[in-house]
Amino acid sequence: MTRKVADCRNHPSVSGCTLTISGEEEEVARAAAEHAISVHGHTDGPELRQMIRESLEDEKVDA
């Protein structure tokens, strides 16, 4: 299974957040949503979770 990555650096914010989360898709989506809510003040809901899932990228593995 390909690991997924959520990287705050890809979504500029006022705080300049640099957090990167990687793991299996479900756990990354859940952790990224919790981070978006608690740190960035987003409101939880289906729209936020869909936006996060769509922004996940495959983890790049060094050969």
PDB file of N, CA and C in Angstrom:
ATOM      1  N   MET A   1       0.843  -1.183   0.000  1.00  0.00           N
ATOM      2  CA  MET A   1       0.000   0.000   0.000  1.00  0.00           C
ATOM      3  C   MET A   1       0.884   1.240   0.000  1.00  0.00           C
ATOM      4  N   THR A   2       0.536   2.197  -0.838  1.00  0.00           N
ATOM      5  CA  THR A   2       1.283   3.444  -0.923  1.00  0.00           C
ATOM      6  C   THR A   2       0.925   4.348   0.246  1.00  0.00           C
ATOM      7  N   ARG A   3       1.952   4.816   0.935  1.00  0.00           N
ATOM      8  CA  ARG A   3       1.718   5.752   2.034  1.00  0.00           C
ATOM      9  C   ARG A   3       1.356   7.112   1.449  1.00  0.00           C
ATOM     10  N   LYS A   4       0.576   7.876   2.196  1.00  0.00           N
ATOM     11  CA  LYS A   4       0.145   9.204   1.773  1.00  0.00           C
ATOM     12  C   LYS A   4       0.795  10.263   2.648  1.00  0.00           C
ATOM     13  N   VAL A   5       0.851  11.482   2.120  1.00  0.00           N
ATOM     14  CA  VAL A   5       1.469  12.600   2.816  1.00  0.00           C
ATOM     15  C   VAL A   5       0.543  13.811   2.774  1.00  0.00           C
ATOM     16  N   ALA A   6       0.404  14.471   3.913  1.00  0.00           N
ATOM     17  CA  ALA A   6      -0.254  15.779   4.009  1.00  0.00           C
ATOM     18  C   ALA A   6       0.828  16.748   4.480  1.00  0.00           C
ATOM     19  N   ASP A   7       1.071  17.800   3.720  1.00  0.00           N
ATOM     20  CA  ASP A   7       2.158  18.727   4.019  1.00  0.00           C
ATOM     21  C   ASP A   7       1.620  20.155   4.062  1.00  0.00           C
ATOM     22  N   CYS A   8       1.646  20.762   5.232  1.00  0.00           N
ATOM     23  CA  CYS A   8       1.125  22.126   5.388  1.00  0.00           C
ATOM     24  C   CYS A   8       1.878  23.138   4.528  1.00  0.00           C
ATOM     25  N   ARG A   9       3.102  22.834   4.170  1.00  0.00           N
ATOM     26  CA  ARG A   9       3.874  23.775   3.341  1.00  0.00           C
ATOM     27  C   ARG A   9       3.251  23.949   1.961  1.00  0.00           C
ATOM     28  N   ASN A  10       2.412  23.003   1.547  1.00  0.00           N
ATOM     29  CA  ASN A  10       1.731  23.109   0.251  1.00  0.00           C
ATOM     30  C   ASN A  10       0.499  23.996   0.315  1.00  0.00           C
ATOM     31  N   HIS A  11       0.146  24.455   1.521  1.00  0.00           N
ATOM     32  CA  HIS A  11      -1.045  25.286   1.735  1.00  0.00           C
ATOM     33  C   HIS A  11      -0.630  26.456   2.616  1.00  0.00           C
ATOM     34  N   PRO A  12      -0.084  27.504   2.026  1.00  0.00           N
ATOM     35  CA  PRO A  12       0.427  28.627   2.818  1.00  0.00           C
ATOM     36  C   PRO A  12      -0.602  29.149   3.822  1.00  0.00           C
ATOM     37  N   SER A  13      -0.103  29.442   5.012  1.00  0.00           N
ATOM     38  CA  SER A  13      -0.976  29.967   6.060  1.00  0.00           C
ATOM     39  C   SER A  13      -0.278  31.126   6.760  1.00  0.00           C
ATOM     40  N   VAL A  14      -1.040  31.863   7.512  1.00  0.00           N
ATOM     41  CA  VAL A  14      -0.509  32.995   8.257  1.00  0.00           C
ATOM     42  C   VAL A  14       0.565  32.530   9.238  1.00  0.00           C
ATOM     43  N   SER A  15       0.376  31.348   9.812  1.00  0.00           N
ATOM     44  CA  SER A  15       1.313  30.846  10.815  1.00  0.00           C
ATOM     45  C   SER A  15       2.597  30.289  10.208  1.00  0.00           C
ATOM     46  N   GLY A  16       2.618  30.053   8.888  1.00  0.00           N
ATOM     47  CA  GLY A  16       3.809  29.493   8.256  1.00  0.00           C
ATOM     48  C   GLY A  16       4.072  28.063   8.685  1.00  0.00           C
ATOM     49  N   CYS A  17       3.028  27.318   8.935  1.00  0.00           N
ATOM     50  CA  CYS A  17       3.121  25.944   9.433  1.00  0.00           C
ATOM     51  C   CYS A  17       3.929  25.065   8.479  1.00  0.00           C
ATOM     52  N   THR A  18       4.780  24.210   9.043  1.00  0.00           N
ATOM     53  CA  THR A  18       5.628  23.317   8.250  1.00  0.00           C
ATOM     54  C   THR A  18       5.379  21.844   8.564  1.00  0.00           C
ATOM     55  N   LEU A  19       4.292  21.526   9.232  1.00  0.00           N
ATOM     56  CA  LEU A  19       4.012  20.140   9.622  1.00  0.00           C
ATOM     57  C   LEU A  19       3.787  19.255   8.400  1.00  0.00           C
ATOM     58  N   THR A  20       4.367  18.059   8.442  1.00  0.00           N
ATOM     59  CA  THR A  20       4.133  17.032   7.432  1.00  0.00           C
ATOM     60  C   THR A  20       3.681  15.768   8.156  1.00  0.00           C
ATOM     61  N   ILE A  21       2.616  15.154   7.658  1.00  0.00           N
ATOM     62  CA  ILE A  21       2.068  13.928   8.240  1.00  0.00           C
ATOM     63  C   ILE A  21       2.113  12.852   7.164  1.00  0.00           C
ATOM     64  N   SER A  22       2.609  11.663   7.505  1.00  0.00           N
ATOM     65  CA  SER A  22       2.628  10.586   6.517  1.00  0.00           C
ATOM     66  C   SER A  22       2.184   9.283   7.164  1.00  0.00           C
ATOM     67  N   GLY A  23       1.588   8.428   6.347  1.00  0.00           N
ATOM     68  CA  GLY A  23       1.112   7.134   6.815  1.00  0.00           C
ATOM     69  C   GLY A  23       0.051   6.607   5.869  1.00  0.00           C
ATOM     70  N   GLU A  24      -0.745   5.675   6.344  1.00  0.00           N
ATOM     71  CA  GLU A  24      -1.832   5.155   5.532  1.00  0.00           C
ATOM     72  C   GLU A  24      -2.897   6.236   5.356  1.00  0.00           C
ATOM     73  N   GLU A  25      -3.582   6.211   4.226  1.00  0.00           N
ATOM     74  CA  GLU A  25      -4.498   7.296   3.854  1.00  0.00           C
ATOM     75  C   GLU A  25      -5.482   7.660   4.961  1.00  0.00           C
ATOM     76  N   GLU A  26      -6.132   6.692   5.551  1.00  0.00           N
ATOM     77  CA  GLU A  26      -7.152   6.977   6.563  1.00  0.00           C
ATOM     78  C   GLU A  26      -6.558   7.674   7.782  1.00  0.00           C
ATOM     79  N   GLU A  27      -5.407   7.206   8.249  1.00  0.00           N
ATOM     80  CA  GLU A  27      -4.813   7.824   9.436  1.00  0.00           C
ATOM     81  C   GLU A  27      -4.266   9.219   9.134  1.00  0.00           C
ATOM     82  N   VAL A  28      -3.746   9.426   7.936  1.00  0.00           N
ATOM     83  CA  VAL A  28      -3.255  10.755   7.571  1.00  0.00           C
ATOM     84  C   VAL A  28      -4.424  11.728   7.438  1.00  0.00           C
ATOM     85  N   ALA A  29      -5.494  11.310   6.799  1.00  0.00           N
ATOM     86  CA  ALA A  29      -6.664  12.178   6.649  1.00  0.00           C
ATOM     87  C   ALA A  29      -7.231  12.574   8.012  1.00  0.00           C
ATOM     88  N   ARG A  30      -7.307  11.607   8.914  1.00  0.00           N
ATOM     89  CA  ARG A  30      -7.836  11.887  10.256  1.00  0.00           C
ATOM     90  C   ARG A  30      -6.917  12.854  11.011  1.00  0.00           C
ATOM     91  N   ALA A  31      -5.615  12.585  11.013  1.00  0.00           N
ATOM     92  CA  ALA A  31      -4.667  13.444  11.727  1.00  0.00           C
ATOM     93  C   ALA A  31      -4.607  14.841  11.115  1.00  0.00           C
ATOM     94  N   ALA A  32      -4.652  14.914   9.783  1.00  0.00           N
ATOM     95  CA  ALA A  32      -4.616  16.216   9.118  1.00  0.00           C
ATOM     96  C   ALA A  32      -5.870  17.032   9.436  1.00  0.00           C
ATOM     97  N   ALA A  33      -7.017  16.373   9.515  1.00  0.00           N
ATOM     98  CA  ALA A  33      -8.252  17.082   9.877  1.00  0.00           C
ATOM     99  C   ALA A  33      -8.164  17.609  11.303  1.00  0.00           C
ATOM    100  N   GLU A  34      -7.683  16.777  12.219  1.00  0.00           N
ATOM    101  CA  GLU A  34      -7.538  17.213  13.612  1.00  0.00           C
ATOM    102  C   GLU A  34      -6.572  18.398  13.706  1.00  0.00           C
ATOM    103  N   HIS A  35      -5.494  18.355  12.941  1.00  0.00           N
ATOM    104  CA  HIS A  35      -4.522  19.446  12.928  1.00  0.00           C
ATOM    105  C   HIS A  35      -5.147  20.720  12.345  1.00  0.00           C
ATOM    106  N   ALA A  36      -5.864  20.581  11.233  1.00  0.00           N
ATOM    107  CA  ALA A  36      -6.491  21.738  10.595  1.00  0.00           C
ATOM    108  C   ALA A  36      -7.481  22.427  11.536  1.00  0.00           C
ATOM    109  N   ILE A  37      -8.183  21.638  12.316  1.00  0.00           N
ATOM    110  CA  ILE A  37      -9.176  22.180  13.248  1.00  0.00           C
ATOM    111  C   ILE A  37      -8.500  22.821  14.452  1.00  0.00           C
ATOM    112  N   SER A  38      -7.581  22.085  15.095  1.00  0.00           N
ATOM    113  CA  SER A  38      -7.007  22.567  16.354  1.00  0.00           C
ATOM    114  C   SER A  38      -5.948  23.653  16.167  1.00  0.00           C
ATOM    115  N   VAL A  39      -5.199  23.613  15.075  1.00  0.00           N
ATOM    116  CA  VAL A  39      -4.116  24.578  14.883  1.00  0.00           C
ATOM    117  C   VAL A  39      -4.515  25.725  13.964  1.00  0.00           C
ATOM    118  N   HIS A  40      -5.236  25.402  12.885  1.00  0.00           N
ATOM    119  CA  HIS A  40      -5.549  26.425  11.888  1.00  0.00           C
ATOM    120  C   HIS A  40      -6.960  26.989  12.005  1.00  0.00           C
ATOM    121  N   GLY A  41      -7.763  26.461  12.939  1.00  0.00           N
ATOM    122  CA  GLY A  41      -9.081  27.023  13.199  1.00  0.00           C
ATOM    123  C   GLY A  41     -10.157  26.686  12.184  1.00  0.00           C
ATOM    124  N   HIS A  42      -9.920  25.659  11.352  1.00  0.00           N
ATOM    125  CA  HIS A  42     -10.939  25.242  10.388  1.00  0.00           C
ATOM    126  C   HIS A  42     -12.106  24.582  11.113  1.00  0.00           C
ATOM    127  N   THR A  43     -13.255  24.598  10.487  1.00  0.00           N
ATOM    128  CA  THR A  43     -14.444  23.955  11.032  1.00  0.00           C
ATOM    129  C   THR A  43     -14.533  22.546  10.474  1.00  0.00           C
ATOM    130  N   ASP A  44     -14.758  21.587  11.364  1.00  0.00           N
ATOM    131  CA  ASP A  44     -14.864  20.196  10.936  1.00  0.00           C
ATOM    132  C   ASP A  44     -16.126  19.992  10.122  1.00  0.00           C
ATOM    133  N   GLY A  45     -16.026  19.136   9.137  1.00  0.00           N
ATOM    134  CA  GLY A  45     -17.184  18.810   8.320  1.00  0.00           C
ATOM    135  C   GLY A  45     -16.756  18.039   7.100  1.00  0.00           C
ATOM    136  N   PRO A  46     -17.717  17.546   6.337  1.00  0.00           N
ATOM    137  CA  PRO A  46     -17.404  16.756   5.156  1.00  0.00           C
ATOM    138  C   PRO A  46     -16.587  17.515   4.117  1.00  0.00           C
ATOM    139  N   GLU A  47     -16.812  18.817   4.002  1.00  0.00           N
ATOM    140  CA  GLU A  47     -16.066  19.600   3.016  1.00  0.00           C
ATOM    141  C   GLU A  47     -14.586  19.645   3.363  1.00  0.00           C
ATOM    142  N   LEU A  48     -14.272  19.873   4.635  1.00  0.00           N
ATOM    143  CA  LEU A  48     -12.878  19.910   5.073  1.00  0.00           C
ATOM    144  C   LEU A  48     -12.221  18.561   4.827  1.00  0.00           C
ATOM    145  N   ARG A  49     -12.868  17.499   5.214  1.00  0.00           N
ATOM    146  CA  ARG A  49     -12.282  16.167   5.070  1.00  0.00           C
ATOM    147  C   ARG A  49     -12.101  15.788   3.597  1.00  0.00           C
ATOM    148  N   GLN A  50     -13.021  16.199   2.740  1.00  0.00           N
ATOM    149  CA  GLN A  50     -12.877  15.928   1.308  1.00  0.00           C
ATOM    150  C   GLN A  50     -11.712  16.724   0.726  1.00  0.00           C
ATOM    151  N   MET A  51     -11.589  17.976   1.131  1.00  0.00           N
ATOM    152  CA  MET A  51     -10.489  18.814   0.664  1.00  0.00           C
ATOM    153  C   MET A  51      -9.145  18.202   1.076  1.00  0.00           C
ATOM    154  N   ILE A  52      -9.073  17.713   2.295  1.00  0.00           N
ATOM    155  CA  ILE A  52      -7.840  17.092   2.776  1.00  0.00           C
ATOM    156  C   ILE A  52      -7.527  15.845   1.965  1.00  0.00           C
ATOM    157  N   ARG A  53      -8.511  14.977   1.773  1.00  0.00           N
ATOM    158  CA  ARG A  53      -8.283  13.742   1.008  1.00  0.00           C
ATOM    159  C   ARG A  53      -7.800  14.049  -0.414  1.00  0.00           C
ATOM    160  N   GLU A  54      -8.370  15.064  -1.025  1.00  0.00           N
ATOM    161  CA  GLU A  54      -7.979  15.426  -2.391  1.00  0.00           C
ATOM    162  C   GLU A  54      -6.572  16.012  -2.455  1.00  0.00           C
ATOM    163  N   SER A  55      -6.091  16.555  -1.351  1.00  0.00           N
ATOM    164  CA  SER A  55      -4.764  17.169  -1.348  1.00  0.00           C
ATOM    165  C   SER A  55      -3.652  16.195  -0.964  1.00  0.00           C
ATOM    166  N   LEU A  56      -3.998  14.990  -0.518  1.00  0.00           N
ATOM    167  CA  LEU A  56      -2.975  14.016  -0.135  1.00  0.00           C
ATOM    168  C   LEU A  56      -2.163  13.601  -1.354  1.00  0.00           C
ATOM    169  N   GLU A  57      -0.883  13.423  -1.130  1.00  0.00           N
ATOM    170  CA  GLU A  57       0.019  12.990  -2.193  1.00  0.00           C
ATOM    171  C   GLU A  57       0.648  11.655  -1.798  1.00  0.00           C
ATOM    172  N   ASP A  58       1.085  10.900  -2.788  1.00  0.00           N
ATOM    173  CA  ASP A  58       1.819   9.683  -2.504  1.00  0.00           C
ATOM    174  C   ASP A  58       3.170  10.042  -1.909  1.00  0.00           C
ATOM    175  N   GLU A  59       3.598   9.282  -0.918  1.00  0.00           N
ATOM    176  CA  GLU A  59       4.904   9.508  -0.319  1.00  0.00           C
ATOM    177  C   GLU A  59       5.994   9.125  -1.321  1.00  0.00           C
ATOM    178  N   LYS A  60       6.956   9.998  -1.475  1.00  0.00           N
ATOM    179  CA  LYS A  60       8.069   9.717  -2.381  1.00  0.00           C
ATOM    180  C   LYS A  60       9.125   8.953  -1.610  1.00  0.00           C
ATOM    181  N   VAL A  61       9.534   7.820  -2.174  1.00  0.00           N
ATOM    182  CA  VAL A  61      10.521   6.967  -1.523  1.00  0.00           C
ATOM    183  C   VAL A  61      11.845   7.102  -2.240  1.00  0.00           C
ATOM    184  N   ASP A  62      12.904   7.373  -1.494  1.00  0.00           N
ATOM    185  CA  ASP A  62      14.236   7.452  -2.090  1.00  0.00           C
ATOM    186  C   ASP A  62      14.686   6.049  -2.482  1.00  0.00           C
ATOM    187  N   ALA A  63      15.203   5.937  -3.680  1.00  0.00           N
ATOM    188  CA  ALA A  63      15.643   4.624  -4.163  1.00  0.00           C
ATOM    189  C   ALA A  63      17.038   4.287  -3.707  1.00  0.00           C
TER     190      ALA A  63
END
